[in-house]
Amino acid sequence: MEPALAIQDFLEYVISGLVGDDGELSISREKRGDDTLFRIQLAPDEAGRVIGKHGKTISAIRSLVHASAEKHRILADVEVVREAI
């Protein structure tokens, strides 16, 4: 499996667990040169669960994504977008 696709599947699994099955969630992947950007689009009221208190939850998610990307020798970043889907 392609590393970027595996990371996207991981993000979908983790974030759907945070927002629940009925939550609005969209994760897209965008290639920017050598970097892959994963854009997490959520409803504004659900973004707080993913970001966490003082940003600790999204920081932990980013750390896991960076570690996985480094293992596969790719660059990756995660962005949260708060807007209705």
Protein backbone atom coordinates (compact mmCIF):
# COMPACT_ATOMS: atom_id res chain seq x y z
CA MET A 1 0.00 0.00 0.00
CA GLU A 2 1.22 3.48 -0.85
CA PRO A 3 2.47 5.26 2.33
CA ALA A 4 0.36 8.40 1.78
CA LEU A 5 -2.78 6.27 1.35
CA ALA A 6 -1.97 4.33 4.53
CA ILE A 7 -1.57 7.61 6.44
CA GLN A 8 -4.90 8.86 5.07
CA ASP A 9 -6.61 5.63 6.18
CA PHE A 10 -5.06 6.05 9.64
CA LEU A 11 -6.34 9.63 9.87
CA GLU A 12 -9.85 8.56 8.84
CA TYR A 13 -9.85 5.82 11.49
CA VAL A 14 -8.61 8.04 14.33
CA ILE A 15 -10.66 11.12 13.53
CA SER A 16 -13.90 9.24 12.88
CA GLY A 17 -13.43 7.78 16.37
CA LEU A 18 -13.22 11.30 17.79
CA VAL A 19 -16.20 12.80 15.94
CA GLY A 20 -18.39 9.69 15.89
CA ASP A 21 -20.09 7.88 13.04
CA ASP A 22 -22.67 10.61 12.48
CA GLY A 23 -20.06 13.39 12.30
CA GLU A 24 -19.27 15.22 9.09
CA LEU A 25 -15.74 14.36 8.03
CA SER A 26 -13.73 14.69 4.84
CA ILE A 27 -10.02 14.01 4.51
CA SER A 28 -8.29 14.98 1.30
CA ARG A 29 -4.71 14.57 0.19
CA GLU A 30 -2.81 17.22 -1.74
CA LYS A 31 0.69 16.82 -3.13
CA ARG A 32 2.82 19.99 -2.87
CA GLY A 33 6.23 19.32 -4.33
CA ASP A 34 7.88 16.78 -2.03
CA ASP A 35 5.30 17.37 0.71
CA THR A 36 1.89 15.72 1.11
CA LEU A 37 -0.76 17.80 2.87
CA PHE A 38 -3.67 16.01 4.52
CA ARG A 39 -6.60 18.40 4.87
CA ILE A 40 -9.19 17.40 7.49
CA GLN A 41 -12.50 19.15 6.85
CA LEU A 42 -14.96 19.17 9.76
CA ALA A 43 -18.06 20.98 10.88
CA PRO A 44 -17.06 23.85 13.20
CA ASP A 45 -18.71 22.26 16.25
CA GLU A 46 -16.74 19.01 15.74
CA ALA A 47 -13.35 20.60 15.15
CA GLY A 48 -12.85 21.19 18.87
CA ARG A 49 -12.80 17.45 19.55
CA VAL A 50 -10.07 16.92 16.98
CA ILE A 51 -8.01 19.94 18.02
CA GLY A 52 -8.32 19.20 21.74
CA LYS A 53 -7.55 21.35 24.75
CA HIS A 54 -4.66 23.70 23.90
CA GLY A 55 -4.21 21.77 20.62
CA LYS A 56 -2.86 18.67 22.33
CA THR A 57 -4.96 16.16 20.38
CA ILE A 58 -4.11 17.49 16.92
CA SER A 59 -0.49 17.84 18.00
CA ALA A 60 -0.39 14.14 18.94
CA ILE A 61 -2.04 13.19 15.64
CA ARG A 62 0.50 15.28 13.72
CA SER A 63 3.36 13.63 15.62
CA LEU A 64 2.12 10.17 14.63
CA VAL A 65 1.69 11.24 11.00
CA HIS A 66 5.20 12.76 10.93
CA ALA A 67 6.69 9.59 12.46
CA SER A 68 4.98 7.37 9.91
CA ALA A 69 5.96 9.66 7.05
CA GLU A 70 9.57 9.74 8.21
CA LYS A 71 9.65 5.94 8.34
CA HIS A 72 8.59 5.86 4.68
CA ARG A 73 10.90 8.78 3.78
CA ILE A 74 8.16 11.16 2.74
CA LEU A 75 7.13 14.58 4.06
CA ALA A 76 3.60 15.00 5.40
CA ASP A 77 1.58 17.61 7.26
CA VAL A 78 -1.95 17.81 8.64
CA GLU A 79 -4.30 20.80 8.42
CA VAL A 80 -7.73 21.16 10.05
CA VAL A 81 -10.35 23.15 8.15
CA ARG A 82 -13.47 24.23 10.05
CA GLU A 83 -16.31 24.58 7.59
CA ALA A 84 -19.53 22.80 6.79
CA ILE A 85 -19.22 19.92 4.40
